[in-house]
Protein backbone atom coordinates (compact mmCIF):
# COMPACT_ATOMS: atom_id res chain seq x y z
CA MET A 1 -0.13 0.00 -0.41
CA LYS A 2 1.51 3.55 -0.93
CA LYS A 3 1.55 6.22 1.62
CA ARG A 4 -0.48 9.11 1.27
CA ALA A 5 -0.41 12.61 3.22
CA LYS A 6 -2.69 13.70 4.98
CA MET A 7 -5.53 15.16 3.48
CA PRO A 8 -5.24 19.53 4.56
CA THR A 9 -8.13 20.83 6.22
CA VAL A 10 -7.21 24.50 5.80
CA CYS A 11 -6.32 26.88 3.02
CA PRO A 12 -2.83 27.48 2.93
CA VAL A 13 -3.12 30.54 1.19
CA CYS A 14 -5.82 32.64 3.49
CA GLY A 15 -5.85 29.91 6.59
CA GLU A 16 -10.03 29.62 6.40
CA GLN A 17 -11.77 26.05 6.86
CA LEU A 18 -11.66 23.72 3.56
CA ILE A 19 -14.36 22.22 1.88
CA VAL A 20 -14.16 18.80 0.09
CA THR A 21 -15.63 18.64 -3.11
CA GLU A 22 -14.66 14.88 -4.21
CA LEU A 23 -14.24 11.66 -3.44
CA HIS A 24 -13.39 8.49 -5.59
CA CYS A 25 -12.67 5.21 -4.88
CA GLU A 26 -9.44 3.99 -5.58
CA ASN A 27 -10.78 -0.15 -6.85
CA CYS A 28 -13.61 0.50 -8.59
CA GLY A 29 -12.77 4.15 -10.19
CA THR A 30 -16.12 5.65 -8.69
CA THR A 31 -16.32 9.90 -8.65
CA ILE A 32 -18.80 11.72 -6.50
CA LYS A 33 -18.78 15.33 -6.30
CA GLY A 34 -20.69 17.93 -4.26
CA ARG A 35 -19.76 20.10 -1.45
CA PHE A 36 -18.93 18.38 1.73
CA ILE A 37 -18.67 19.45 5.17
CA LEU A 38 -15.53 18.41 7.12
CA ASP A 39 -16.03 16.63 10.24
CA GLU A 40 -15.81 19.36 13.53
CA LEU A 41 -12.03 16.87 14.45
CA LEU A 42 -10.32 17.63 11.11
CA LYS A 43 -10.60 21.36 12.90
CA LEU A 44 -8.14 20.04 14.75
CA ASN A 45 -4.04 21.08 14.18
CA PRO A 46 -1.64 18.17 13.73
CA GLN A 47 -0.70 19.07 17.79
CA GLN A 48 -4.18 19.51 19.43
CA LEU A 49 -4.95 15.85 17.47
CA MET A 50 -2.16 14.57 18.92
CA PHE A 51 -3.27 16.19 22.99
CA LEU A 52 -6.61 14.43 21.72
CA LYS A 53 -5.07 10.92 20.78
CA VAL A 54 -3.05 11.18 24.62
CA PHE A 55 -6.20 12.01 26.64
CA ILE A 56 -8.35 9.52 25.14
CA LYS A 57 -5.77 6.54 25.96
CA ASN A 58 -5.17 7.93 29.15
CA ARG A 59 -8.86 7.59 29.17
CA GLY A 60 -9.56 11.15 29.95
CA ASN A 61 -6.94 11.31 33.08
CA LEU A 62 -5.72 14.82 32.91
CA SER A 63 -3.06 13.43 35.52
CA ASP A 64 -1.42 11.01 33.38
CA VAL A 65 -1.35 12.89 30.14
CA GLN A 66 0.56 15.57 31.78
CA LYS A 67 3.06 12.77 32.78
CA GLU A 68 2.80 11.09 29.54
CA LEU A 69 3.30 14.23 27.98
CA GLY A 70 5.97 16.08 30.60
CA ILE A 71 3.63 18.85 31.11
CA SER A 72 2.27 21.09 33.94
CA TYR A 73 -1.17 20.06 34.82
CA PRO A 74 -2.43 23.48 34.07
CA THR A 75 -1.11 23.40 30.68
CA ALA A 76 -2.68 20.31 30.38
CA ARG A 77 -6.12 21.17 31.16
CA ASN A 78 -5.34 24.80 28.66
CA ARG A 79 -4.84 22.99 26.03
CA LEU A 80 -7.71 20.80 26.72
CA ASP A 81 -10.13 23.75 26.79
CA ASP A 82 -7.98 24.80 23.65
CA ILE A 83 -9.31 22.02 22.07
CA VAL A 84 -12.55 22.55 23.34
CA ALA A 85 -12.63 25.67 22.21
CA THR A 86 -11.78 24.90 18.49
CA LEU A 87 -15.10 22.62 18.01
CA GLY A 88 -16.85 25.44 19.10
CA TYR A 89 -17.99 24.60 22.78
CA GLU A 90 -18.50 26.36 25.30
CA THR A 91 -15.20 26.41 28.00
CA ARG A 92 -15.78 26.29 31.66
CA SER A 93 -14.38 29.19 33.30
CA PRO A 94 -11.60 28.68 36.34
């Protein structure tokens, strides 16, 4: 299987969210054209996505996340709050 690049989710020129306009099946050659909205999780940048994977791996335990990443607990909490905001949810005040 050949290596594939990750799909870009933001415009490299203006930084706005990209939309998908075409999907293609390499097996049968089917192509579907339209305007498809990307899932909210694709709004996360690579660092946020990595943090989220570590968070899930540690079953939501921020103390374990901060230990694994070598960051302080407040930094881990701030990174999680940043992800929450990026996904469009309201963050709680401390």
